[in-house]
């Protein structure tokens, strides 16, 4: 999904419109995936396999780069630590997953 959205390229942009569009597309895709793949958000087994952990860190790094670029462009609040932004997104995804499970 990140490759399809070209997160790496978008994170190198300074155009607020492109960053906002990419950020919106990322969030929509993450919400869509929360129902089917939401277990990955909280399953400790995801951090046991070194190869899987490495891939998760790579994907998270791409997202952090996008959030940081969005902060620099004024799309997201710059005074918040980028790690906080990422954790807030994933916290909300956990809530989305729970809401979907409850109907």
PDB file of N, CA and C in Angstrom:
ATOM      1  N   UNK A   1       0.816  -1.183   0.000  1.00  0.00           N
ATOM      2  CA  UNK A   1       0.000   0.000   0.000  1.00  0.00           C
ATOM      3  C   UNK A   1       0.864   1.251   0.000  1.00  0.00           C
ATOM      4  N   UNK A   2       1.923   1.252   0.825  1.00  0.00           N
ATOM      5  CA  UNK A   2       2.800   2.423   0.864  1.00  0.00           C
ATOM      6  C   UNK A   2       3.470   2.662  -0.481  1.00  0.00           C
ATOM      7  N   UNK A   3       3.838   1.578  -1.164  1.00  0.00           N
ATOM      8  CA  UNK A   3       4.450   1.735  -2.471  1.00  0.00           C
ATOM      9  C   UNK A   3       3.451   2.319  -3.464  1.00  0.00           C
ATOM     10  N   UNK A   4       2.216   1.844  -3.413  1.00  0.00           N
ATOM     11  CA  UNK A   4       1.185   2.359  -4.319  1.00  0.00           C
ATOM     12  C   UNK A   4       0.932   3.846  -4.083  1.00  0.00           C
ATOM     13  N   UNK A   5       1.030   4.275  -2.833  1.00  0.00           N
ATOM     14  CA  UNK A   5       0.830   5.691  -2.503  1.00  0.00           C
ATOM     15  C   UNK A   5       2.101   6.504  -2.706  1.00  0.00           C
ATOM     16  N   UNK A   6       3.215   5.843  -2.970  1.00  0.00           N
ATOM     17  CA  UNK A   6       4.516   6.478  -3.173  1.00  0.00           C
ATOM     18  C   UNK A   6       4.878   7.378  -1.995  1.00  0.00           C
ATOM     19  N   UNK A   7       4.792   6.797  -0.788  1.00  0.00           N
ATOM     20  CA  UNK A   7       5.077   7.548   0.438  1.00  0.00           C
ATOM     21  C   UNK A   7       6.485   8.120   0.459  1.00  0.00           C
ATOM     22  N   UNK A   8       7.452   7.356  -0.020  1.00  0.00           N
ATOM     23  CA  UNK A   8       8.836   7.826   0.018  1.00  0.00           C
ATOM     24  C   UNK A   8       9.002   9.092  -0.796  1.00  0.00           C
ATOM     25  N   UNK A   9       8.441   9.113  -1.975  1.00  0.00           N
ATOM     26  CA  UNK A   9       8.526  10.302  -2.828  1.00  0.00           C
ATOM     27  C   UNK A   9       7.742  11.468  -2.228  1.00  0.00           C
ATOM     28  N   UNK A  10       6.572  11.181  -1.726  1.00  0.00           N
ATOM     29  CA  UNK A  10       5.736  12.238  -1.137  1.00  0.00           C
ATOM     30  C   UNK A  10       6.422  12.878   0.061  1.00  0.00           C
ATOM     31  N   UNK A  11       7.148  12.074   0.848  1.00  0.00           N
ATOM     32  CA  UNK A  11       7.823  12.583   2.043  1.00  0.00           C
ATOM     33  C   UNK A  11       8.950  13.552   1.692  1.00  0.00           C
ATOM     34  N   UNK A  12       9.387  13.543   0.450  1.00  0.00           N
ATOM     35  CA  UNK A  12      10.432  14.466   0.005  1.00  0.00           C
ATOM     36  C   UNK A  12       9.850  15.745  -0.577  1.00  0.00           C
ATOM     37  N   UNK A  13       8.544  15.835  -0.613  1.00  0.00           N
ATOM     38  CA  UNK A  13       7.854  17.000  -1.167  1.00  0.00           C
ATOM     39  C   UNK A  13       7.727  18.107  -0.129  1.00  0.00           C
ATOM     40  N   UNK A  14       7.479  19.298  -0.603  1.00  0.00           N
ATOM     41  CA  UNK A  14       7.160  20.416   0.285  1.00  0.00           C
ATOM     42  C   UNK A  14       5.808  21.021  -0.077  1.00  0.00           C
ATOM     43  N   UNK A  15       5.149  20.448  -1.092  1.00  0.00           N
ATOM     44  CA  UNK A  15       3.849  20.938  -1.537  1.00  0.00           C
ATOM     45  C   UNK A  15       2.760  20.486  -0.559  1.00  0.00           C
ATOM     46  N   UNK A  16       2.154  21.429   0.165  1.00  0.00           N
ATOM     47  CA  UNK A  16       1.135  21.052   1.149  1.00  0.00           C
ATOM     48  C   UNK A  16      -0.029  20.265   0.547  1.00  0.00           C
ATOM     49  N   UNK A  17      -0.428  20.590  -0.662  1.00  0.00           N
ATOM     50  CA  UNK A  17      -1.561  19.891  -1.277  1.00  0.00           C
ATOM     51  C   UNK A  17      -1.226  18.425  -1.531  1.00  0.00           C
ATOM     52  N   UNK A  18      -0.031  18.164  -2.054  1.00  0.00           N
ATOM     53  CA  UNK A  18       0.358  16.763  -2.304  1.00  0.00           C
ATOM     54  C   UNK A  18       0.504  16.004  -0.990  1.00  0.00           C
ATOM     55  N   UNK A  19       1.122  16.645  -0.011  1.00  0.00           N
ATOM     56  CA  UNK A  19       1.294  15.986   1.284  1.00  0.00           C
ATOM     57  C   UNK A  19      -0.046  15.693   1.940  1.00  0.00           C
ATOM     58  N   UNK A  20      -0.957  16.653   1.883  1.00  0.00           N
ATOM     59  CA  UNK A  20      -2.287  16.445   2.474  1.00  0.00           C
ATOM     60  C   UNK A  20      -3.018  15.316   1.756  1.00  0.00           C
ATOM     61  N   UNK A  21      -2.931  15.270   0.439  1.00  0.00           N
ATOM     62  CA  UNK A  21      -3.607  14.215  -0.325  1.00  0.00           C
ATOM     63  C   UNK A  21      -3.014  12.845  -0.008  1.00  0.00           C
ATOM     64  N   UNK A  22      -1.691  12.767   0.074  1.00  0.00           N
ATOM     65  CA  UNK A  22      -1.040  11.494   0.384  1.00  0.00           C
ATOM     66  C   UNK A  22      -1.371  11.059   1.807  1.00  0.00           C
ATOM     67  N   UNK A  23      -1.354  12.000   2.722  1.00  0.00           N
ATOM     68  CA  UNK A  23      -1.701  11.700   4.107  1.00  0.00           C
ATOM     69  C   UNK A  23      -3.141  11.193   4.206  1.00  0.00           C
ATOM     70  N   UNK A  24      -4.049  11.861   3.520  1.00  0.00           N
ATOM     71  CA  UNK A  24      -5.448  11.436   3.515  1.00  0.00           C
ATOM     72  C   UNK A  24      -5.582  10.029   2.930  1.00  0.00           C
ATOM     73  N   UNK A  25      -4.901   9.765   1.814  1.00  0.00           N
ATOM     74  CA  UNK A  25      -4.967   8.439   1.189  1.00  0.00           C
ATOM     75  C   UNK A  25      -4.392   7.367   2.113  1.00  0.00           C
ATOM     76  N   UNK A  26      -3.296   7.694   2.800  1.00  0.00           N
ATOM     77  CA  UNK A  26      -2.712   6.742   3.739  1.00  0.00           C
ATOM     78  C   UNK A  26      -3.700   6.412   4.852  1.00  0.00           C
ATOM     79  N   UNK A  27      -4.300   7.435   5.433  1.00  0.00           N
ATOM     80  CA  UNK A  27      -5.235   7.204   6.540  1.00  0.00           C
ATOM     81  C   UNK A  27      -6.458   6.419   6.095  1.00  0.00           C
ATOM     82  N   UNK A  28      -6.985   6.726   4.924  1.00  0.00           N
ATOM     83  CA  UNK A  28      -8.141   5.977   4.402  1.00  0.00           C
ATOM     84  C   UNK A  28      -7.772   4.506   4.221  1.00  0.00           C
ATOM     85  N   UNK A  29      -6.594   4.251   3.665  1.00  0.00           N
ATOM     86  CA  UNK A  29      -6.160   2.865   3.466  1.00  0.00           C
ATOM     87  C   UNK A  29      -5.947   2.152   4.795  1.00  0.00           C
ATOM     88  N   UNK A  30      -5.361   2.843   5.770  1.00  0.00           N
ATOM     89  CA  UNK A  30      -5.146   2.223   7.079  1.00  0.00           C
ATOM     90  C   UNK A  30      -6.471   1.894   7.761  1.00  0.00           C
ATOM     91  N   UNK A  31      -7.444   2.776   7.660  1.00  0.00           N
ATOM     92  CA  UNK A  31      -8.761   2.501   8.243  1.00  0.00           C
ATOM     93  C   UNK A  31      -9.409   1.324   7.528  1.00  0.00           C
ATOM     94  N   UNK A  32      -9.314   1.299   6.200  1.00  0.00           N
ATOM     95  CA  UNK A  32      -9.888   0.178   5.442  1.00  0.00           C
ATOM     96  C   UNK A  32      -9.261  -1.147   5.855  1.00  0.00           C
ATOM     97  N   UNK A  33      -7.972  -1.132   6.156  1.00  0.00           N
ATOM     98  CA  UNK A  33      -7.270  -2.357   6.523  1.00  0.00           C
ATOM     99  C   UNK A  33      -7.467  -2.724   7.995  1.00  0.00           C
ATOM    100  N   UNK A  34      -7.937  -1.794   8.805  1.00  0.00           N
ATOM    101  CA  UNK A  34      -8.047  -2.034  10.251  1.00  0.00           C
ATOM    102  C   UNK A  34      -8.974  -3.199  10.569  1.00  0.00           C
ATOM    103  N   UNK A  35     -10.007  -3.383   9.791  1.00  0.00           N
ATOM    104  CA  UNK A  35     -10.945  -4.472  10.057  1.00  0.00           C
ATOM    105  C   UNK A  35     -10.287  -5.828   9.792  1.00  0.00           C
ATOM    106  N   UNK A  36      -9.647  -5.960   8.640  1.00  0.00           N
ATOM    107  CA  UNK A  36      -9.082  -7.241   8.244  1.00  0.00           C
ATOM    108  C   UNK A  36      -7.716  -7.517   8.879  1.00  0.00           C
ATOM    109  N   UNK A  37      -6.906  -6.488   9.032  1.00  0.00           N
ATOM    110  CA  UNK A  37      -5.538  -6.676   9.505  1.00  0.00           C
ATOM    111  C   UNK A  37      -5.264  -5.971  10.830  1.00  0.00           C
ATOM    112  N   UNK A  38      -6.313  -5.559  11.499  1.00  0.00           N
ATOM    113  CA  UNK A  38      -6.165  -4.801  12.738  1.00  0.00           C
ATOM    114  C   UNK A  38      -5.456  -5.549  13.846  1.00  0.00           C
ATOM    115  N   UNK A  39      -5.480  -6.874  13.783  1.00  0.00           N
ATOM    116  CA  UNK A  39      -4.784  -7.660  14.809  1.00  0.00           C
ATOM    117  C   UNK A  39      -3.305  -7.286  14.869  1.00  0.00           C
ATOM    118  N   UNK A  40      -2.749  -6.877  13.739  1.00  0.00           N
ATOM    119  CA  UNK A  40      -1.323  -6.548  13.679  1.00  0.00           C
ATOM    120  C   UNK A  40      -0.982  -5.318  14.515  1.00  0.00           C
ATOM    121  N   UNK A  41      -1.988  -4.524  14.861  1.00  0.00           N
ATOM    122  CA  UNK A  41      -1.741  -3.313  15.640  1.00  0.00           C
ATOM    123  C   UNK A  41      -1.362  -3.616  17.088  1.00  0.00           C
ATOM    124  N   UNK A  42      -1.851  -4.736  17.616  1.00  0.00           N
ATOM    125  CA  UNK A  42      -1.632  -5.018  19.038  1.00  0.00           C
ATOM    126  C   UNK A  42      -1.090  -6.414  19.315  1.00  0.00           C
ATOM    127  N   UNK A  43      -0.904  -7.228  18.304  1.00  0.00           N
ATOM    128  CA  UNK A  43      -0.450  -8.604  18.511  1.00  0.00           C
ATOM    129  C   UNK A  43       1.055  -8.624  18.792  1.00  0.00           C
ATOM    130  N   UNK A  44       1.466  -9.039  19.998  1.00  0.00           N
ATOM    131  CA  UNK A  44       2.892  -9.065  20.328  1.00  0.00           C
ATOM    132  C   UNK A  44       3.700 -10.003  19.431  1.00  0.00           C
ATOM    133  N   UNK A  45       3.047 -10.962  18.817  1.00  0.00           N
ATOM    134  CA  UNK A  45       3.746 -11.894  17.930  1.00  0.00           C
ATOM    135  C   UNK A  45       4.351 -11.174  16.722  1.00  0.00           C
ATOM    136  N   UNK A  46       3.836  -9.999  16.411  1.00  0.00           N
ATOM    137  CA  UNK A  46       4.349  -9.231  15.269  1.00  0.00           C
ATOM    138  C   UNK A  46       5.776  -8.758  15.523  1.00  0.00           C
ATOM    139  N   UNK A  47       6.204  -8.755  16.775  1.00  0.00           N
ATOM    140  CA  UNK A  47       7.535  -8.253  17.106  1.00  0.00           C
ATOM    141  C   UNK A  47       8.513  -9.362  17.480  1.00  0.00           C
ATOM    142  N   UNK A  48       8.163 -10.599  17.213  1.00  0.00           N
ATOM    143  CA  UNK A  48       9.018 -11.722  17.575  1.00  0.00           C
ATOM    144  C   UNK A  48       9.962 -12.082  16.424  1.00  0.00           C
ATOM    145  N   UNK A  49       9.431 -12.148  15.232  1.00  0.00           N
ATOM    146  CA  UNK A  49      10.228 -12.527  14.067  1.00  0.00           C
ATOM    147  C   UNK A  49      11.110 -11.351  13.649  1.00  0.00           C
ATOM    148  N   UNK A  50      12.427 -11.514  13.630  1.00  0.00           N
ATOM    149  CA  UNK A  50      13.327 -10.404  13.300  1.00  0.00           C
ATOM    150  C   UNK A  50      13.080  -9.812  11.907  1.00  0.00           C
ATOM    151  N   UNK A  51      12.767 -10.662  10.926  1.00  0.00           N
ATOM    152  CA  UNK A  51      12.503 -10.153   9.576  1.00  0.00           C
ATOM    153  C   UNK A  51      11.225  -9.330   9.538  1.00  0.00           C
ATOM    154  N   UNK A  52      10.205  -9.822  10.225  1.00  0.00           N
ATOM    155  CA  UNK A  52       8.947  -9.088  10.281  1.00  0.00           C
ATOM    156  C   UNK A  52       9.121  -7.782  11.041  1.00  0.00           C
ATOM    157  N   UNK A  53       9.850  -7.812  12.121  1.00  0.00           N
ATOM    158  CA  UNK A  53      10.109  -6.600  12.904  1.00  0.00           C
ATOM    159  C   UNK A  53      10.856  -5.569  12.071  1.00  0.00           C
ATOM    160  N   UNK A  54      11.833  -6.022  11.310  1.00  0.00           N
ATOM    161  CA  UNK A  54      12.596  -5.127  10.438  1.00  0.00           C
ATOM    162  C   UNK A  54      11.670  -4.474   9.400  1.00  0.00           C
ATOM    163  N   UNK A  55      10.768  -5.267   8.832  1.00  0.00           N
ATOM    164  CA  UNK A  55       9.823  -4.738   7.832  1.00  0.00           C
ATOM    165  C   UNK A  55       8.871  -3.737   8.487  1.00  0.00           C
ATOM    166  N   UNK A  56       8.381  -4.055   9.677  1.00  0.00           N
ATOM    167  CA  UNK A  56       7.490  -3.128  10.386  1.00  0.00           C
ATOM    168  C   UNK A  56       8.196  -1.802  10.674  1.00  0.00           C
ATOM    169  N   UNK A  57       9.458  -1.867  11.060  1.00  0.00           N
ATOM    170  CA  UNK A  57      10.224  -0.648  11.333  1.00  0.00           C
ATOM    171  C   UNK A  57      10.430   0.168  10.062  1.00  0.00           C
ATOM    172  N   UNK A  58      10.651  -0.518   8.950  1.00  0.00           N
ATOM    173  CA  UNK A  58      10.811   0.169   7.663  1.00  0.00           C
ATOM    174  C   UNK A  58       9.516   0.897   7.279  1.00  0.00           C
ATOM    175  N   UNK A  59       8.396   0.200   7.395  1.00  0.00           N
ATOM    176  CA  UNK A  59       7.108   0.807   7.060  1.00  0.00           C
ATOM    177  C   UNK A  59       6.801   1.992   7.975  1.00  0.00           C
ATOM    178  N   UNK A  60       7.077   1.821   9.264  1.00  0.00           N
ATOM    179  CA  UNK A  60       6.856   2.903  10.215  1.00  0.00           C
ATOM    180  C   UNK A  60       7.754   4.100   9.896  1.00  0.00           C
ATOM    181  N   UNK A  61       8.979   3.834   9.500  1.00  0.00           N
ATOM    182  CA  UNK A  61       9.900   4.900   9.140  1.00  0.00           C
ATOM    183  C   UNK A  61       9.388   5.729   7.974  1.00  0.00           C
ATOM    184  N   UNK A  62       8.803   5.070   6.986  1.00  0.00           N
ATOM    185  CA  UNK A  62       8.230   5.789   5.843  1.00  0.00           C
ATOM    186  C   UNK A  62       7.078   6.694   6.299  1.00  0.00           C
ATOM    187  N   UNK A  63       6.244   6.154   7.189  1.00  0.00           N
ATOM    188  CA  UNK A  63       5.122   6.954   7.686  1.00  0.00           C
ATOM    189  C   UNK A  63       5.619   8.147   8.502  1.00  0.00           C
ATOM    190  N   UNK A  64       6.635   7.923   9.344  1.00  0.00           N
ATOM    191  CA  UNK A  64       7.186   9.020  10.141  1.00  0.00           C
ATOM    192  C   UNK A  64       7.763  10.106   9.235  1.00  0.00           C
ATOM    193  N   UNK A  65       8.410   9.698   8.146  1.00  0.00           N
ATOM    194  CA  UNK A  65       8.966  10.672   7.198  1.00  0.00           C
ATOM    195  C   UNK A  65       7.842  11.490   6.558  1.00  0.00           C
ATOM    196  N   UNK A  66       6.740  10.836   6.228  1.00  0.00           N
ATOM    197  CA  UNK A  66       5.599  11.565   5.660  1.00  0.00           C
ATOM    198  C   UNK A  66       5.004  12.526   6.681  1.00  0.00           C
ATOM    199  N   UNK A  67       4.822  12.068   7.912  1.00  0.00           N
ATOM    200  CA  UNK A  67       4.278  12.946   8.958  1.00  0.00           C
ATOM    201  C   UNK A  67       5.195  14.154   9.175  1.00  0.00           C
ATOM    202  N   UNK A  68       6.513  13.920   9.188  1.00  0.00           N
ATOM    203  CA  UNK A  68       7.468  15.020   9.391  1.00  0.00           C
ATOM    204  C   UNK A  68       7.404  16.013   8.241  1.00  0.00           C
ATOM    205  N   UNK A  69       7.308  15.518   7.014  1.00  0.00           N
ATOM    206  CA  UNK A  69       7.197  16.412   5.852  1.00  0.00           C
ATOM    207  C   UNK A  69       5.903  17.220   5.928  1.00  0.00           C
ATOM    208  N   UNK A  70       4.824  16.568   6.354  1.00  0.00           N
ATOM    209  CA  UNK A  70       3.544  17.260   6.505  1.00  0.00           C
ATOM    210  C   UNK A  70       3.627  18.327   7.590  1.00  0.00           C
ATOM    211  N   UNK A  71       4.387  18.067   8.629  1.00  0.00           N
ATOM    212  CA  UNK A  71       4.587  19.079   9.669  1.00  0.00           C
ATOM    213  C   UNK A  71       5.366  20.269   9.118  1.00  0.00           C
ATOM    214  N   UNK A  72       6.441  19.997   8.383  1.00  0.00           N
ATOM    215  CA  UNK A  72       7.246  21.093   7.817  1.00  0.00           C
ATOM    216  C   UNK A  72       6.440  21.954   6.859  1.00  0.00           C
ATOM    217  N   UNK A  73       5.481  21.334   6.147  1.00  0.00           N
ATOM    218  CA  UNK A  73       4.675  22.055   5.164  1.00  0.00           C
ATOM    219  C   UNK A  73       3.449  22.722   5.781  1.00  0.00           C
ATOM    220  N   UNK A  74       3.247  22.533   7.083  1.00  0.00           N
ATOM    221  CA  UNK A  74       2.112  23.156   7.744  1.00  0.00           C
ATOM    222  C   UNK A  74       0.811  22.377   7.636  1.00  0.00           C
ATOM    223  N   UNK A  75       0.890  21.146   7.168  1.00  0.00           N
ATOM    224  CA  UNK A  75      -0.312  20.305   7.047  1.00  0.00           C
ATOM    225  C   UNK A  75      -0.681  19.714   8.409  1.00  0.00           C
ATOM    226  N   UNK A  76       0.332  19.347   9.179  1.00  0.00           N
ATOM    227  CA  UNK A  76       0.149  18.853  10.545  1.00  0.00           C
ATOM    228  C   UNK A  76       0.847  19.814  11.500  1.00  0.00           C
ATOM    229  N   UNK A  77       0.393  19.841  12.728  1.00  0.00           N
ATOM    230  CA  UNK A  77       0.985  20.732  13.727  1.00  0.00           C
ATOM    231  C   UNK A  77       2.454  20.382  13.957  1.00  0.00           C
ATOM    232  N   UNK A  78       3.297  21.379  13.827  1.00  0.00           N
ATOM    233  CA  UNK A  78       4.741  21.166  13.906  1.00  0.00           C
ATOM    234  C   UNK A  78       5.253  21.033  15.333  1.00  0.00           C
ATOM    235  N   UNK A  79       4.501  21.531  16.312  1.00  0.00           N
ATOM    236  CA  UNK A  79       5.023  21.490  17.686  1.00  0.00           C
ATOM    237  C   UNK A  79       4.860  20.122  18.338  1.00  0.00           C
ATOM    238  N   UNK A  80       4.151  19.225  17.695  1.00  0.00           N
ATOM    239  CA  UNK A  80       3.984  17.872  18.243  1.00  0.00           C
ATOM    240  C   UNK A  80       5.135  16.986  17.762  1.00  0.00           C
ATOM    241  N   UNK A  81       5.699  16.184  18.642  1.00  0.00           N
ATOM    242  CA  UNK A  81       6.743  15.261  18.182  1.00  0.00           C
ATOM    243  C   UNK A  81       6.177  14.309  17.126  1.00  0.00           C
ATOM    244  N   UNK A  82       6.956  14.058  16.093  1.00  0.00           N
ATOM    245  CA  UNK A  82       6.471  13.208  15.009  1.00  0.00           C
ATOM    246  C   UNK A  82       6.118  11.814  15.531  1.00  0.00           C
ATOM    247  N   UNK A  83       6.833  11.324  16.514  1.00  0.00           N
ATOM    248  CA  UNK A  83       6.515  10.018  17.093  1.00  0.00           C
ATOM    249  C   UNK A  83       5.137  10.045  17.750  1.00  0.00           C
ATOM    250  N   UNK A  84       4.783  11.186  18.378  1.00  0.00           N
ATOM    251  CA  UNK A  84       3.465  11.319  18.985  1.00  0.00           C
ATOM    252  C   UNK A  84       2.398  11.236  17.909  1.00  0.00           C
ATOM    253  N   UNK A  85       2.624  11.897  16.774  1.00  0.00           N
ATOM    254  CA  UNK A  85       1.657  11.854  15.670  1.00  0.00           C
ATOM    255  C   UNK A  85       1.447  10.412  15.223  1.00  0.00           C
ATOM    256  N   UNK A  86       2.543   9.693  15.016  1.00  0.00           N
ATOM    257  CA  UNK A  86       2.438   8.291  14.598  1.00  0.00           C
ATOM    258  C   UNK A  86       1.711   7.438  15.622  1.00  0.00           C
ATOM    259  N   UNK A  87       2.035   7.626  16.899  1.00  0.00           N
ATOM    260  CA  UNK A  87       1.357   6.854  17.945  1.00  0.00           C
ATOM    261  C   UNK A  87      -0.121   7.211  18.033  1.00  0.00           C
ATOM    262  N   UNK A  88      -0.456   8.481  17.826  1.00  0.00           N
ATOM    263  CA  UNK A  88      -1.856   8.896  17.851  1.00  0.00           C
ATOM    264  C   UNK A  88      -2.628   8.240  16.701  1.00  0.00           C
ATOM    265  N   UNK A  89      -2.018   8.190  15.524  1.00  0.00           N
ATOM    266  CA  UNK A  89      -2.665   7.549  14.370  1.00  0.00           C
ATOM    267  C   UNK A  89      -2.938   6.083  14.693  1.00  0.00           C
ATOM    268  N   UNK A  90      -1.936   5.390  15.220  1.00  0.00           N
ATOM    269  CA  UNK A  90      -2.136   3.971  15.495  1.00  0.00           C
ATOM    270  C   UNK A  90      -3.065   3.734  16.678  1.00  0.00           C
ATOM    271  N   UNK A  91      -3.065   4.626  17.637  1.00  0.00           N
ATOM    272  CA  UNK A  91      -4.040   4.525  18.724  1.00  0.00           C
ATOM    273  C   UNK A  91      -5.460   4.650  18.201  1.00  0.00           C
ATOM    274  N   UNK A  92      -5.648   5.579  17.282  1.00  0.00           N
ATOM    275  CA  UNK A  92      -6.979   5.739  16.680  1.00  0.00           C
ATOM    276  C   UNK A  92      -7.347   4.522  15.825  1.00  0.00           C
ATOM    277  N   UNK A  93      -6.370   3.926  15.173  1.00  0.00           N
ATOM    278  CA  UNK A  93      -6.659   2.723  14.387  1.00  0.00           C
ATOM    279  C   UNK A  93      -7.089   1.566  15.276  1.00  0.00           C
ATOM    280  N   UNK A  94      -6.501   1.460  16.451  1.00  0.00           N
ATOM    281  CA  UNK A  94      -6.936   0.430  17.405  1.00  0.00           C
ATOM    282  C   UNK A  94      -8.389   0.683  17.787  1.00  0.00           C
ATOM    283  N   UNK A  95      -8.727   1.950  18.017  1.00  0.00           N
ATOM    284  CA  UNK A  95     -10.119   2.296  18.349  1.00  0.00           C
ATOM    285  C   UNK A  95     -11.055   1.994  17.175  1.00  0.00           C
ATOM    286  N   UNK A  96     -10.607   2.252  15.963  1.00  0.00           N
ATOM    287  CA  UNK A  96     -11.404   1.931  14.767  1.00  0.00           C
ATOM    288  C   UNK A  96     -11.644   0.431  14.694  1.00  0.00           C
ATOM    289  N   UNK A  97     -10.581  -0.345  14.911  1.00  0.00           N
ATOM    290  CA  UNK A  97     -10.713  -1.806  14.867  1.00  0.00           C
ATOM    291  C   UNK A  97     -11.727  -2.292  15.887  1.00  0.00           C
ATOM    292  N   UNK A  98     -11.649  -1.738  17.114  1.00  0.00           N
ATOM    293  CA  UNK A  98     -12.586  -2.142  18.161  1.00  0.00           C
ATOM    294  C   UNK A  98     -14.018  -1.738  17.793  1.00  0.00           C
ATOM    295  N   UNK A  99     -14.174  -0.569  17.240  1.00  0.00           N
ATOM    296  CA  UNK A  99     -15.502  -0.096  16.838  1.00  0.00           C
ATOM    297  C   UNK A  99     -16.088  -0.985  15.738  1.00  0.00           C
ATOM    298  N   UNK A 100     -15.244  -1.360  14.782  1.00  0.00           N
ATOM    299  CA  UNK A 100     -15.717  -2.241  13.711  1.00  0.00           C
ATOM    300  C   UNK A 100     -16.115  -3.604  14.276  1.00  0.00           C
ATOM    301  N   UNK A 101     -15.359  -4.104  15.230  1.00  0.00           N
ATOM    302  CA  UNK A 101     -15.664  -5.403  15.829  1.00  0.00           C
ATOM    303  C   UNK A 101     -16.981  -5.356  16.609  1.00  0.00           C
ATOM    304  N   UNK A 102     -17.297  -4.194  17.170  1.00  0.00           N
ATOM    305  CA  UNK A 102     -18.538  -4.044  17.943  1.00  0.00           C
ATOM    306  C   UNK A 102     -19.734  -3.671  17.080  1.00  0.00           C
ATOM    307  N   UNK A 103     -19.482  -3.452  15.814  1.00  0.00           N
ATOM    308  CA  UNK A 103     -20.569  -3.122  14.885  1.00  0.00           C
ATOM    309  C   UNK A 103     -20.893  -1.683  14.907  1.00  0.00           C
TER     310      UNK A 103
END
